[in-house]
Structures are given as structure tokens and as C-alpha cells.
Amino acid sequence: MKTFKDLEFKPHSIGNGLQVVMNFDNNYGVSVVKFNGSYGFNSDLWEVAILYKEALTYNTDITDDVLGYQTDQDVTDIMKKVQMLKD
């Protein structure tokens, strides 16, 4: 099971920050960002979006929006839930 420690961040194209996209075998994935303007940036926290077939999705049991203000552990918890989703 992939966790926050498996994420390899790169510079974000908008603002001064970081970003990573990780896709899983079930066709779901996560986009994890922290940049000036993201939900949580000023608190040094992450914003997470859930992906389906590499596109944003707002139609899961986990959330119907992006998830802002997430700690490293929160990101791991979300990643685990996403990896358990059925395609």
C-alpha cells in the first residue's frame, strides 16, 4: 500500500510550491499539492484531489471536492482509502 513517503514531489507550475500525481492499479489516483493559493498553504498543509483515469473526480465515497488542510498522515489515510476504491 502506497503512503505519503512514496510520493516524489516536483516544483508546482503555479505559485511557489510542490506537486505530485500518483495513480494506482484501480484506475484511481491522487494529486497532492502545496502552493501559494492552495487550501492549507499558509498553514504548511496539503491539498488533495482524487483522480479517476487521470482526471479529477468529485464522485467518490471519500469526498465530493478537493480536501484542503491535510497533514502528511491525512494524505496517507486518503491514499489508503483511494487504493481501496473499486474500479
Protein backbone atom coordinates (compact mmCIF):
# COMPACT_ATOMS: atom_id res chain seq x y z
CA MET A 1 0.00 0.00 0.00
CA LYS A 2 1.43 3.38 -1.04
CA THR A 3 1.80 6.13 1.59
CA PHE A 4 2.94 9.75 1.80
CA LYS A 5 6.56 8.57 1.97
CA ASP A 6 6.21 7.11 -1.56
CA LEU A 7 5.33 10.47 -3.10
CA GLU A 8 8.03 12.19 -5.16
CA PHE A 9 7.23 15.89 -5.28
CA LYS A 10 8.23 18.27 -8.05
CA PRO A 11 8.00 22.06 -8.26
CA HIS A 12 4.44 23.28 -8.84
CA SER A 13 3.81 25.25 -12.02
CA ILE A 14 1.57 27.79 -10.23
CA GLY A 15 3.00 29.74 -7.36
CA ASN A 16 5.87 28.69 -5.18
CA GLY A 17 5.19 25.12 -4.13
CA LEU A 18 5.16 21.38 -4.72
CA GLN A 19 3.02 18.88 -6.57
CA VAL A 20 2.76 15.16 -7.27
CA VAL A 21 0.31 12.88 -9.04
CA MET A 22 0.20 9.19 -8.16
CA ASN A 23 -2.06 6.73 -9.97
CA PHE A 24 -2.99 3.33 -8.57
CA ASP A 25 -3.83 -0.03 -10.16
CA ASN A 26 -7.59 0.51 -9.63
CA ASN A 27 -7.66 3.48 -12.09
CA TYR A 28 -7.87 5.95 -9.19
CA GLY A 29 -5.15 8.28 -8.03
CA VAL A 30 -4.34 11.38 -6.03
CA SER A 31 -2.99 14.81 -6.81
CA VAL A 32 -1.23 16.32 -3.80
CA VAL A 33 -0.23 19.99 -3.92
CA LYS A 34 1.04 22.80 -1.76
CA PHE A 35 1.40 26.19 -3.44
CA ASN A 36 0.55 29.81 -2.74
CA GLY A 37 -3.21 29.68 -3.18
CA SER A 38 -3.87 26.04 -2.30
CA TYR A 39 -6.11 25.17 0.66
CA GLY A 40 -3.64 24.88 3.53
CA PHE A 41 -0.58 26.60 2.05
CA ASN A 42 -0.42 29.26 4.76
CA SER A 43 -0.52 26.52 7.41
CA ASP A 44 2.12 24.37 5.62
CA LEU A 45 -0.55 21.74 4.87
CA TRP A 46 -1.51 19.84 1.71
CA GLU A 47 -4.44 19.94 -0.69
CA VAL A 48 -5.51 16.57 -2.12
CA ALA A 49 -7.68 15.84 -5.16
CA ILE A 50 -8.89 12.40 -6.15
CA LEU A 51 -8.40 11.26 -9.72
CA TYR A 52 -10.14 8.63 -11.81
CA LYS A 53 -8.45 7.59 -15.04
CA GLU A 54 -6.07 10.54 -14.54
CA ALA A 55 -8.88 13.14 -14.40
CA LEU A 56 -10.28 14.92 -11.35
CA THR A 57 -13.32 13.21 -9.91
CA TYR A 58 -15.77 14.52 -7.36
CA ASN A 59 -17.81 11.32 -7.31
CA THR A 60 -16.38 9.03 -4.62
CA ASP A 61 -17.43 7.98 -1.14
CA ILE A 62 -14.31 9.75 0.14
CA THR A 63 -15.25 13.29 -0.94
CA ASP A 64 -17.13 15.36 -3.48
CA ASP A 65 -14.49 18.11 -3.57
CA VAL A 66 -10.77 18.65 -3.03
CA LEU A 67 -9.53 18.08 0.51
CA GLY A 68 -7.60 21.01 1.91
CA TYR A 69 -5.59 21.47 5.09
CA GLN A 70 -4.25 17.89 5.17
CA THR A 71 -1.26 16.73 7.22
CA ASP A 72 1.22 14.16 5.91
CA GLN A 73 -0.67 11.49 7.89
CA ASP A 74 -4.02 12.71 6.50
CA VAL A 75 -2.59 12.32 2.98
CA THR A 76 -1.54 8.75 3.78
CA ASP A 77 -5.03 7.99 5.14
CA ILE A 78 -6.65 9.39 1.98
CA MET A 79 -4.23 7.47 -0.24
CA LYS A 80 -5.12 4.21 1.52
CA LYS A 81 -8.84 4.86 1.05
CA VAL A 82 -8.34 5.69 -2.63
CA GLN A 83 -6.37 2.49 -3.19
CA MET A 84 -9.31 0.51 -1.76
CA LEU A 85 -11.88 2.00 -4.18
CA LYS A 86 -13.39 -0.39 -6.70
CA ASP A 87 -12.99 0.48 -10.38
